[in-house]
C-alpha atoms as a PDB file:
ATOM      1  CA  MET A   1       0.000   0.000   0.000  1.00  0.00           C
ATOM      2  CA  LYS A   2       1.405   3.385  -1.009  1.00  0.00           C
ATOM      3  CA  THR A   3       1.132   6.405   1.217  1.00  0.00           C
ATOM      4  CA  GLN A   4       0.290   9.676  -0.482  1.00  0.00           C
ATOM      5  CA  ILE A   5       0.948  12.979   1.243  1.00  0.00           C
ATOM      6  CA  MET A   6      -1.344  15.842   0.363  1.00  0.00           C
ATOM      7  CA  THR A   7      -0.171  19.408   0.808  1.00  0.00           C
ATOM      8  CA  VAL A   8      -2.646  22.202   1.332  1.00  0.00           C
ATOM      9  CA  SER A   9      -1.834  25.882   0.858  1.00  0.00           C
ATOM     10  CA  ASN A  10      -2.889  28.610   3.258  1.00  0.00           C
ATOM     11  CA  GLN A  11      -5.234  30.013   0.605  1.00  0.00           C
ATOM     12  CA  GLU A  12      -6.941  26.625   0.205  1.00  0.00           C
ATOM     13  CA  LEU A  13      -7.475  26.417   3.978  1.00  0.00           C
ATOM     14  CA  THR A  14      -8.954  29.914   3.988  1.00  0.00           C
ATOM     15  CA  ILE A  15     -11.359  28.949   1.199  1.00  0.00           C
ATOM     16  CA  ALA A  16     -12.409  25.819   3.099  1.00  0.00           C
ATOM     17  CA  LYS A  17     -12.987  27.693   6.373  1.00  0.00           C
ATOM     18  CA  TYR A  18     -14.846  30.555   4.709  1.00  0.00           C
ATOM     19  CA  SER A  19     -17.051  28.217   2.659  1.00  0.00           C
ATOM     20  CA  ALA A  20     -18.021  26.218   5.751  1.00  0.00           C
ATOM     21  CA  MET A  21     -18.688  29.375   7.746  1.00  0.00           C
ATOM     22  CA  ARG A  22     -20.927  30.987   5.091  1.00  0.00           C
ATOM     23  CA  SER A  23     -23.074  27.965   4.237  1.00  0.00           C
ATOM     24  CA  ILE A  24     -25.629  26.116   6.343  1.00  0.00           C
ATOM     25  CA  ASP A  25     -25.558  23.058   4.078  1.00  0.00           C
ATOM     26  CA  THR A  26     -22.289  21.076   4.183  1.00  0.00           C
ATOM     27  CA  PHE A  27     -22.801  19.793   0.634  1.00  0.00           C
ATOM     28  CA  VAL A  28     -23.127  23.341  -0.722  1.00  0.00           C
ATOM     29  CA  ALA A  29     -20.049  24.389   1.266  1.00  0.00           C
ATOM     30  CA  ALA A  30     -18.028  21.488  -0.151  1.00  0.00           C
ATOM     31  CA  LEU A  31     -19.153  22.277  -3.698  1.00  0.00           C
ATOM     32  CA  GLN A  32     -18.304  25.962  -3.270  1.00  0.00           C
ATOM     33  CA  MET A  33     -14.901  25.066  -1.797  1.00  0.00           C
ATOM     34  CA  SER A  34     -14.155  22.737  -4.709  1.00  0.00           C
ATOM     35  CA  LYS A  35     -15.100  25.357  -7.325  1.00  0.00           C
ATOM     36  CA  CYS A  36     -13.010  28.071  -5.658  1.00  0.00           C
ATOM     37  CA  ASN A  37      -9.968  25.836  -5.193  1.00  0.00           C
ATOM     38  CA  GLU A  38     -10.127  24.827  -8.863  1.00  0.00           C
ATOM     39  CA  LEU A  39     -10.346  28.520  -9.802  1.00  0.00           C
ATOM     40  CA  VAL A  40      -7.270  29.344  -7.673  1.00  0.00           C
ATOM     41  CA  PHE A  41      -5.334  26.512  -9.351  1.00  0.00           C
ATOM     42  CA  ARG A  42      -6.335  27.705 -12.840  1.00  0.00           C
ATOM     43  CA  LEU A  43      -5.432  31.321 -11.987  1.00  0.00           C
ATOM     44  CA  ARG A  44      -1.952  30.181 -10.888  1.00  0.00           C
ATOM     45  CA  SER A  45      -1.306  28.234 -14.075  1.00  0.00           C
ATOM     46  CA  GLY A  46      -2.786  30.426 -16.805  1.00  0.00           C
ATOM     47  CA  ILE A  47      -5.312  33.018 -17.878  1.00  0.00           C
ATOM     48  CA  VAL A  48      -8.907  32.314 -16.849  1.00  0.00           C
ATOM     49  CA  HIS A  49     -12.007  33.640 -18.576  1.00  0.00           C
ATOM     50  CA  GLY A  50     -14.956  33.551 -16.219  1.00  0.00           C
ATOM     51  CA  TYR A  51     -17.859  35.253 -14.508  1.00  0.00           C
ATOM     52  CA  PHE A  52     -18.653  36.241 -10.931  1.00  0.00           C
ATOM     53  CA  GLN A  53     -21.401  38.114  -9.120  1.00  0.00           C
ATOM     54  CA  LYS A  54     -20.458  41.526  -7.753  1.00  0.00           C
ATOM     55  CA  VAL A  55     -21.637  42.810  -4.376  1.00  0.00           C
ATOM     56  CA  ASP A  56     -24.374  44.887  -6.049  1.00  0.00           C
ATOM     57  CA  GLY A  57     -25.753  41.729  -7.718  1.00  0.00           C
ATOM     58  CA  SER A  58     -24.532  42.439 -11.237  1.00  0.00           C
ATOM     59  CA  ILE A  59     -22.553  39.843 -13.199  1.00  0.00           C
ATOM     60  CA  ARG A  60     -18.951  40.656 -14.152  1.00  0.00           C
ATOM     61  CA  GLU A  61     -16.961  38.947 -16.883  1.00  0.00           C
ATOM     62  CA  PHE A  62     -13.217  38.737 -16.266  1.00  0.00           C
ATOM     63  CA  TRP A  63      -9.966  37.614 -17.860  1.00  0.00           C
ATOM     64  CA  GLY A  64      -7.525  37.056 -15.022  1.00  0.00           C
ATOM     65  CA  THR A  65      -4.451  35.276 -13.709  1.00  0.00           C
ATOM     66  CA  THR A  66      -2.157  35.295 -10.698  1.00  0.00           C
ATOM     67  CA  LYS A  67       0.894  34.554 -12.822  1.00  0.00           C
ATOM     68  CA  PRO A  68       2.556  37.984 -13.304  1.00  0.00           C
ATOM     69  CA  SER A  69       4.584  36.919 -16.366  1.00  0.00           C
ATOM     70  CA  LEU A  70       1.377  36.070 -18.248  1.00  0.00           C
ATOM     71  CA  ALA A  71      -0.417  39.221 -17.156  1.00  0.00           C
ATOM     72  CA  GLU A  72       2.463  41.510 -18.130  1.00  0.00           C
ATOM     73  CA  ALA A  73       2.467  39.985 -21.612  1.00  0.00           C
ATOM     74  CA  LYS A  74      -1.235  40.872 -21.965  1.00  0.00           C
ATOM     75  CA  THR A  75      -1.140  44.391 -20.467  1.00  0.00           C
ATOM     76  CA  ALA A  76       0.774  47.550 -21.248  1.00  0.00           C
ATOM     77  CA  SER A  77       1.511  48.431 -17.632  1.00  0.00           C
ATOM     78  CA  ARG A  78       3.764  46.712 -15.108  1.00  0.00           C
ATOM     79  CA  ILE A  79       1.930  44.663 -12.499  1.00  0.00           C
ATOM     80  CA  GLY A  80       2.296  45.958  -8.935  1.00  0.00           C
ATOM     81  CA  THR A  81       2.393  43.950  -5.734  1.00  0.00           C
ATOM     82  CA  GLN A  82      -0.718  42.190  -4.511  1.00  0.00           C
ATOM     83  CA  PRO A  83      -2.805  44.400  -2.206  1.00  0.00           C
ATOM     84  CA  LYS A  84      -3.841  43.307   1.286  1.00  0.00           C
ATOM     85  CA  LEU A  85      -7.320  41.846   0.990  1.00  0.00           C
ATOM     86  CA  ARG A  86     -10.122  41.149   3.414  1.00  0.00           C
ATOM     87  CA  TYR A  87     -10.698  37.611   4.613  1.00  0.00           C
ATOM     88  CA  GLY A  88     -12.713  35.569   2.128  1.00  0.00           C
ATOM     89  CA  GLN A  89     -11.528  37.082  -1.147  1.00  0.00           C
ATOM     90  CA  ILE A  90      -9.721  35.570  -4.133  1.00  0.00           C
ATOM     91  CA  PRO A  91      -7.243  37.982  -5.741  1.00  0.00           C
ATOM     92  CA  PHE A  92      -6.358  37.977  -9.439  1.00  0.00           C
ATOM     93  CA  ILE A  93      -4.696  40.253 -11.971  1.00  0.00           C
ATOM     94  CA  ASP A  94      -7.250  41.653 -14.397  1.00  0.00           C
ATOM     95  CA  CYS A  95      -5.637  41.144 -17.822  1.00  0.00           C
ATOM     96  CA  GLU A  96      -7.774  43.887 -19.365  1.00  0.00           C
ATOM     97  CA  CYS A  97      -6.566  46.721 -17.123  1.00  0.00           C
ATOM     98  CA  GLY A  98      -3.385  45.228 -15.591  1.00  0.00           C
ATOM     99  CA  LYS A  99      -4.473  45.793 -11.976  1.00  0.00           C
ATOM    100  CA  TRP A 100      -5.192  43.510  -9.050  1.00  0.00           C
ATOM    101  CA  LYS A 101      -8.895  42.778  -8.566  1.00  0.00           C
ATOM    102  CA  SER A 102     -10.684  40.354  -6.280  1.00  0.00           C
ATOM    103  CA  MET A 103     -13.896  38.404  -5.910  1.00  0.00           C
ATOM    104  CA  ARG A 104     -15.573  37.052  -2.812  1.00  0.00           C
ATOM    105  CA  ILE A 105     -15.340  33.331  -2.172  1.00  0.00           C
ATOM    106  CA  GLY A 106     -18.661  31.928  -3.278  1.00  0.00           C
ATOM    107  CA  SER A 107     -19.407  34.634  -5.868  1.00  0.00           C
ATOM    108  CA  PHE A 108     -17.674  32.740  -8.696  1.00  0.00           C
ATOM    109  CA  ILE A 109     -20.260  31.589 -11.238  1.00  0.00           C
ATOM    110  CA  GLY A 110     -18.333  29.713 -13.898  1.00  0.00           C
ATOM    111  CA  TYR A 111     -15.906  29.734 -16.788  1.00  0.00           C
ATOM    112  CA  GLY A 112     -16.445  31.493 -20.107  1.00  0.00           C
ATOM    113  CA  ALA A 113     -16.732  29.654 -23.376  1.00  0.00           C
END
């Protein structure tokens, strides 16, 4: 029998805790956690086209990444350092404007076509 060691990042733990705290239903919390962790992984490895719900209820389309080398190739301006965010937010570099943006955990809707 092989033993497999799983490593979990601090951001993944934050997503798990926040998802459990915000949802009454454990199934919904697990689903939300899974979607957000997949989004974080995709943001780290490439440019993501997706949608999320803003605080005012409107839907926002985004093209984003957390890989600065990819973002700088897509924007005219140099990418600054990541801002300090509130608990429960997922940061990303908006490839359209070249600035850091964020979305709340649980507001992610899905990927673009």
